[in-house]
Amino acid sequence: MKRTRAQIKAEMMQRVEKEIDELLEWREGSAPPNLSQFEEEILKARQGISQAMIEGLLSGEESQGPVEAPQCPHCQVAMENKGKRDKVVETRLGTLRLRREYYVCPRCRAGFFPPG
């Protein structure tokens, strides 16, 4: 079932609040930090927030994938659905773990995770 805009926003806001709480806890629990230490902690929080945003937007996108089995780009035959599989994707925002439908070509055995 596709999530609503409000549901996606609530999930993202929860993760942003978690990152802010962790940043404030770090500040309260450490000796007075210098500017470089502030920057380092803020960059860590920013990475967590960025990952939360992309995960929030991508989550559920697999349900918008192809209804028909995709064609193998090499053999041009319909690929077989092998069910949901985990996929780790390295992005500029960090490592994402996705659960998507996985297709395999019956001829050449090439695999594919829609939407791409």
N, C-alpha and C. Protein backbone atom coordinates (compact mmCIF):
# COMPACT_ATOMS: atom_id res chain seq x y z
N MET A 1 0.83 -1.17 0.00
CA MET A 1 0.00 0.00 0.00
C MET A 1 0.88 1.25 0.00
N LYS A 2 0.56 2.17 -0.86
CA LYS A 2 1.36 3.38 -0.98
C LYS A 2 1.12 4.28 0.22
N ARG A 3 2.21 4.81 0.77
CA ARG A 3 2.11 5.70 1.92
C ARG A 3 1.73 7.10 1.47
N THR A 4 1.06 7.81 2.34
CA THR A 4 0.66 9.18 2.03
C THR A 4 1.83 10.13 2.27
N ARG A 5 1.68 11.32 1.73
CA ARG A 5 2.68 12.36 1.95
C ARG A 5 2.86 12.60 3.46
N ALA A 6 1.76 12.65 4.20
CA ALA A 6 1.82 12.89 5.65
C ALA A 6 2.58 11.77 6.36
N GLN A 7 2.38 10.53 5.94
CA GLN A 7 3.09 9.41 6.56
C GLN A 7 4.59 9.49 6.29
N ILE A 8 4.94 9.80 5.05
CA ILE A 8 6.36 9.92 4.69
C ILE A 8 7.00 11.05 5.48
N LYS A 9 6.32 12.19 5.56
CA LYS A 9 6.84 13.35 6.28
C LYS A 9 7.03 13.01 7.77
N ALA A 10 6.06 12.33 8.37
CA ALA A 10 6.16 11.96 9.79
C ALA A 10 7.36 11.06 10.04
N GLU A 11 7.60 10.09 9.15
CA GLU A 11 8.74 9.19 9.29
C GLU A 11 10.05 9.95 9.16
N MET A 12 10.12 10.87 8.20
CA MET A 12 11.33 11.67 8.02
C MET A 12 11.57 12.58 9.23
N MET A 13 10.52 13.21 9.72
CA MET A 13 10.65 14.12 10.86
C MET A 13 11.11 13.37 12.11
N GLN A 14 10.65 12.16 12.28
CA GLN A 14 11.06 11.35 13.43
C GLN A 14 12.57 11.10 13.37
N ARG A 15 13.07 10.78 12.18
CA ARG A 15 14.51 10.53 12.03
C ARG A 15 15.31 11.82 12.21
N VAL A 16 14.80 12.95 11.69
CA VAL A 16 15.50 14.23 11.86
C VAL A 16 15.56 14.59 13.34
N GLU A 17 14.46 14.41 14.06
CA GLU A 17 14.44 14.70 15.49
C GLU A 17 15.44 13.82 16.24
N LYS A 18 15.56 12.56 15.84
CA LYS A 18 16.53 11.66 16.46
C LYS A 18 17.95 12.19 16.27
N GLU A 19 18.26 12.63 15.05
CA GLU A 19 19.60 13.16 14.77
C GLU A 19 19.86 14.43 15.59
N ILE A 20 18.88 15.29 15.72
CA ILE A 20 19.03 16.51 16.50
C ILE A 20 19.22 16.17 17.98
N ASP A 21 18.44 15.22 18.49
CA ASP A 21 18.59 14.81 19.89
C ASP A 21 19.99 14.27 20.16
N GLU A 22 20.50 13.45 19.24
CA GLU A 22 21.85 12.91 19.40
C GLU A 22 22.90 14.02 19.38
N LEU A 23 22.72 15.00 18.52
CA LEU A 23 23.65 16.12 18.45
C LEU A 23 23.63 16.92 19.76
N LEU A 24 22.44 17.17 20.29
CA LEU A 24 22.33 17.91 21.55
C LEU A 24 22.89 17.12 22.72
N GLU A 25 22.66 15.81 22.73
CA GLU A 25 23.23 14.96 23.78
C GLU A 25 24.74 14.99 23.73
N TRP A 26 25.31 14.95 22.54
CA TRP A 26 26.76 15.04 22.38
C TRP A 26 27.25 16.36 22.97
N ARG A 27 26.57 17.45 22.64
CA ARG A 27 26.98 18.78 23.11
C ARG A 27 26.92 18.86 24.63
N GLU A 28 25.86 18.31 25.22
CA GLU A 28 25.70 18.36 26.67
C GLU A 28 26.69 17.46 27.40
N GLY A 29 27.13 16.41 26.75
CA GLY A 29 27.99 15.43 27.41
C GLY A 29 29.47 15.59 27.16
N SER A 30 29.89 16.65 26.49
CA SER A 30 31.30 16.80 26.18
C SER A 30 31.84 18.11 26.74
N ALA A 31 33.16 18.16 26.84
CA ALA A 31 33.82 19.41 27.22
C ALA A 31 33.52 20.43 26.13
N PRO A 32 33.64 21.70 26.42
CA PRO A 32 33.34 22.70 25.38
C PRO A 32 34.10 22.41 24.09
N PRO A 33 33.36 22.09 23.02
CA PRO A 33 34.01 21.73 21.77
C PRO A 33 34.51 22.96 21.02
N ASN A 34 35.47 22.70 20.13
CA ASN A 34 35.93 23.78 19.27
C ASN A 34 35.13 23.74 17.97
N LEU A 35 35.37 24.68 17.09
CA LEU A 35 34.61 24.79 15.85
C LEU A 35 34.74 23.52 15.00
N SER A 36 35.93 22.95 14.92
CA SER A 36 36.13 21.73 14.12
C SER A 36 35.31 20.57 14.66
N GLN A 37 35.22 20.46 15.96
CA GLN A 37 34.43 19.38 16.56
C GLN A 37 32.93 19.60 16.29
N PHE A 38 32.48 20.85 16.39
CA PHE A 38 31.09 21.15 16.04
C PHE A 38 30.82 20.74 14.59
N GLU A 39 31.72 21.14 13.69
CA GLU A 39 31.53 20.82 12.27
C GLU A 39 31.45 19.31 12.05
N GLU A 40 32.33 18.57 12.69
CA GLU A 40 32.36 17.11 12.52
C GLU A 40 31.04 16.48 12.96
N GLU A 41 30.53 16.88 14.10
CA GLU A 41 29.28 16.32 14.60
C GLU A 41 28.09 16.73 13.74
N ILE A 42 28.10 17.97 13.27
CA ILE A 42 27.01 18.43 12.40
C ILE A 42 27.03 17.70 11.07
N LEU A 43 28.23 17.44 10.54
CA LEU A 43 28.32 16.68 9.29
C LEU A 43 27.79 15.26 9.46
N LYS A 44 28.05 14.64 10.61
CA LYS A 44 27.51 13.30 10.88
C LYS A 44 25.98 13.35 10.93
N ALA A 45 25.45 14.36 11.61
CA ALA A 45 24.00 14.50 11.70
C ALA A 45 23.39 14.75 10.33
N ARG A 46 24.06 15.57 9.55
CA ARG A 46 23.56 15.87 8.19
C ARG A 46 23.52 14.61 7.34
N GLN A 47 24.53 13.76 7.47
CA GLN A 47 24.52 12.51 6.71
C GLN A 47 23.35 11.63 7.14
N GLY A 48 23.09 11.54 8.44
CA GLY A 48 21.95 10.76 8.91
C GLY A 48 20.63 11.31 8.41
N ILE A 49 20.50 12.62 8.41
CA ILE A 49 19.27 13.25 7.92
C ILE A 49 19.12 13.01 6.42
N SER A 50 20.20 13.14 5.66
CA SER A 50 20.14 12.90 4.21
C SER A 50 19.73 11.47 3.91
N GLN A 51 20.29 10.51 4.65
CA GLN A 51 19.92 9.12 4.44
C GLN A 51 18.45 8.89 4.79
N ALA A 52 17.98 9.51 5.86
CA ALA A 52 16.58 9.36 6.24
C ALA A 52 15.66 9.89 5.15
N MET A 53 16.05 10.99 4.54
CA MET A 53 15.22 11.58 3.50
C MET A 53 15.15 10.68 2.26
N ILE A 54 16.29 10.17 1.82
CA ILE A 54 16.26 9.33 0.62
C ILE A 54 15.57 8.00 0.91
N GLU A 55 15.78 7.43 2.11
CA GLU A 55 15.09 6.19 2.46
C GLU A 55 13.58 6.43 2.53
N GLY A 56 13.19 7.57 3.08
CA GLY A 56 11.77 7.89 3.18
C GLY A 56 11.12 8.03 1.82
N LEU A 57 11.83 8.65 0.89
CA LEU A 57 11.27 8.83 -0.45
C LEU A 57 11.28 7.54 -1.25
N LEU A 58 12.31 6.71 -1.07
CA LEU A 58 12.41 5.47 -1.84
C LEU A 58 11.54 4.36 -1.28
N SER A 59 11.29 4.38 0.01
CA SER A 59 10.51 3.32 0.62
C SER A 59 9.12 3.28 -0.01
N GLY A 60 8.75 2.14 -0.51
CA GLY A 60 7.45 2.00 -1.15
C GLY A 60 7.50 2.19 -2.65
N GLU A 61 8.62 2.69 -3.18
CA GLU A 61 8.72 2.89 -4.63
C GLU A 61 8.71 1.56 -5.38
N GLU A 62 9.13 0.48 -4.70
CA GLU A 62 9.13 -0.81 -5.38
C GLU A 62 7.74 -1.22 -5.80
N SER A 63 6.71 -0.72 -5.09
CA SER A 63 5.35 -1.08 -5.47
C SER A 63 4.94 -0.38 -6.77
N GLN A 64 5.72 0.62 -7.18
CA GLN A 64 5.44 1.32 -8.42
C GLN A 64 6.24 0.72 -9.58
N GLY A 65 6.93 -0.39 -9.33
CA GLY A 65 7.72 -1.04 -10.35
C GLY A 65 6.85 -1.65 -11.42
N PRO A 66 7.47 -2.31 -12.39
CA PRO A 66 6.71 -2.87 -13.49
C PRO A 66 5.72 -3.94 -13.05
N VAL A 67 4.52 -3.93 -13.63
CA VAL A 67 3.51 -4.94 -13.35
C VAL A 67 3.87 -6.20 -14.11
N GLU A 68 4.27 -6.03 -15.36
CA GLU A 68 4.74 -7.16 -16.17
C GLU A 68 6.22 -7.37 -15.89
N ALA A 69 6.66 -8.60 -16.07
CA ALA A 69 8.08 -8.88 -15.89
C ALA A 69 8.89 -8.08 -16.90
N PRO A 70 9.99 -7.49 -16.46
CA PRO A 70 10.81 -6.73 -17.41
C PRO A 70 11.47 -7.67 -18.41
N GLN A 71 11.89 -7.12 -19.53
CA GLN A 71 12.63 -7.90 -20.52
C GLN A 71 14.11 -7.82 -20.22
N CYS A 72 14.79 -8.91 -20.43
CA CYS A 72 16.23 -8.96 -20.25
C CYS A 72 16.88 -8.02 -21.27
N PRO A 73 17.74 -7.12 -20.83
CA PRO A 73 18.38 -6.21 -21.79
C PRO A 73 19.33 -6.93 -22.75
N HIS A 74 19.76 -8.14 -22.41
CA HIS A 74 20.69 -8.89 -23.25
C HIS A 74 19.97 -9.83 -24.21
N CYS A 75 18.99 -10.59 -23.67
CA CYS A 75 18.33 -11.64 -24.46
C CYS A 75 16.96 -11.23 -25.00
N GLN A 76 16.39 -10.16 -24.48
CA GLN A 76 15.07 -9.69 -24.89
C GLN A 76 13.95 -10.69 -24.59
N VAL A 77 14.09 -11.50 -23.53
CA VAL A 77 13.04 -12.41 -23.11
C VAL A 77 12.51 -11.93 -21.75
N ALA A 78 11.28 -12.33 -21.42
CA ALA A 78 10.70 -11.94 -20.14
C ALA A 78 11.50 -12.56 -19.00
N MET A 79 11.78 -11.74 -18.00
CA MET A 79 12.53 -12.21 -16.84
C MET A 79 11.58 -12.83 -15.82
N GLU A 80 12.09 -13.72 -14.99
CA GLU A 80 11.29 -14.41 -13.98
C GLU A 80 11.43 -13.71 -12.64
N ASN A 81 10.28 -13.51 -11.97
CA ASN A 81 10.28 -12.90 -10.65
C ASN A 81 10.74 -13.93 -9.62
N LYS A 82 11.75 -13.59 -8.86
CA LYS A 82 12.28 -14.49 -7.83
C LYS A 82 11.93 -14.01 -6.42
N GLY A 83 10.97 -13.08 -6.33
CA GLY A 83 10.55 -12.59 -5.02
C GLY A 83 11.39 -11.41 -4.56
N LYS A 84 11.12 -10.97 -3.34
CA LYS A 84 11.85 -9.82 -2.79
C LYS A 84 13.21 -10.25 -2.29
N ARG A 85 14.18 -9.40 -2.56
CA ARG A 85 15.55 -9.62 -2.11
C ARG A 85 16.10 -8.31 -1.58
N ASP A 86 17.09 -8.43 -0.70
CA ASP A 86 17.75 -7.25 -0.19
C ASP A 86 18.83 -6.80 -1.17
N LYS A 87 18.97 -5.49 -1.28
CA LYS A 87 19.99 -4.92 -2.15
C LYS A 87 20.65 -3.78 -1.39
N VAL A 88 21.97 -3.77 -1.37
CA VAL A 88 22.74 -2.69 -0.76
C VAL A 88 23.21 -1.80 -1.88
N VAL A 89 22.92 -0.49 -1.74
CA VAL A 89 23.26 0.47 -2.78
C VAL A 89 24.11 1.56 -2.15
N GLU A 90 25.26 1.82 -2.75
CA GLU A 90 26.12 2.92 -2.31
C GLU A 90 25.70 4.17 -3.07
N THR A 91 25.34 5.21 -2.35
CA THR A 91 24.93 6.46 -2.97
C THR A 91 25.83 7.58 -2.46
N ARG A 92 25.69 8.76 -3.01
CA ARG A 92 26.45 9.91 -2.52
C ARG A 92 26.01 10.28 -1.11
N LEU A 93 24.84 9.82 -0.70
CA LEU A 93 24.32 10.12 0.64
C LEU A 93 24.66 9.04 1.65
N GLY A 94 25.25 7.95 1.22
CA GLY A 94 25.61 6.87 2.12
C GLY A 94 25.08 5.54 1.62
N THR A 95 25.21 4.52 2.46
CA THR A 95 24.79 3.16 2.13
C THR A 95 23.30 2.99 2.43
N LEU A 96 22.56 2.50 1.43
CA LEU A 96 21.14 2.23 1.61
C LEU A 96 20.89 0.74 1.49
N ARG A 97 19.98 0.24 2.29
CA ARG A 97 19.55 -1.15 2.21
C ARG A 97 18.10 -1.14 1.74
N LEU A 98 17.87 -1.72 0.58
CA LEU A 98 16.55 -1.74 -0.02
C LEU A 98 16.04 -3.17 -0.12
N ARG A 99 14.73 -3.33 -0.08
CA ARG A 99 14.10 -4.65 -0.29
C ARG A 99 13.22 -4.49 -1.51
N ARG A 100 13.59 -5.19 -2.59
CA ARG A 100 12.90 -5.02 -3.86
C ARG A 100 12.63 -6.37 -4.51
N GLU A 101 11.68 -6.34 -5.48
CA GLU A 101 11.46 -7.52 -6.31
C GLU A 101 12.73 -7.78 -7.11
N TYR A 102 13.06 -9.05 -7.28
CA TYR A 102 14.27 -9.41 -8.01
C TYR A 102 13.88 -10.32 -9.18
N TYR A 103 14.38 -10.00 -10.35
CA TYR A 103 14.08 -10.76 -11.57
C TYR A 103 15.36 -11.37 -12.12
N VAL A 104 15.21 -12.57 -12.71
CA VAL A 104 16.34 -13.26 -13.32
C VAL A 104 15.94 -13.71 -14.72
N CYS A 105 16.85 -13.54 -15.66
CA CYS A 105 16.62 -14.00 -17.03
C CYS A 105 16.75 -15.52 -17.07
N PRO A 106 15.75 -16.22 -17.60
CA PRO A 106 15.83 -17.68 -17.66
C PRO A 106 16.89 -18.18 -18.64
N ARG A 107 17.30 -17.31 -19.56
CA ARG A 107 18.27 -17.72 -20.57
C ARG A 107 19.71 -17.44 -20.12
N CYS A 108 20.02 -16.18 -19.81
CA CYS A 108 21.42 -15.83 -19.50
C CYS A 108 21.69 -15.69 -18.00
N ARG A 109 20.64 -15.77 -17.18
CA ARG A 109 20.72 -15.72 -15.72
C ARG A 109 21.10 -14.33 -15.18
N ALA A 110 21.01 -13.29 -16.01
CA ALA A 110 21.26 -11.92 -15.54
C ALA A 110 20.17 -11.54 -14.54
N GLY A 111 20.55 -10.79 -13.49
CA GLY A 111 19.60 -10.36 -12.48
C GLY A 111 19.27 -8.89 -12.63
N PHE A 112 18.10 -8.50 -12.07
CA PHE A 112 17.64 -7.13 -12.21
C PHE A 112 16.75 -6.75 -11.04
N PHE A 113 16.98 -5.57 -10.45
CA PHE A 113 16.15 -5.01 -9.38
C PHE A 113 15.44 -3.79 -9.93
N PRO A 114 14.15 -3.89 -10.30
CA PRO A 114 13.43 -2.70 -10.75
C PRO A 114 13.27 -1.70 -9.61
N PRO A 115 13.16 -0.44 -9.84
CA PRO A 115 12.99 0.17 -11.15
C PRO A 115 14.30 0.43 -11.88
N GLY A 116 15.41 -0.03 -11.37
CA GLY A 116 16.66 0.13 -12.10
C GLY A 116 17.83 0.09 -11.17
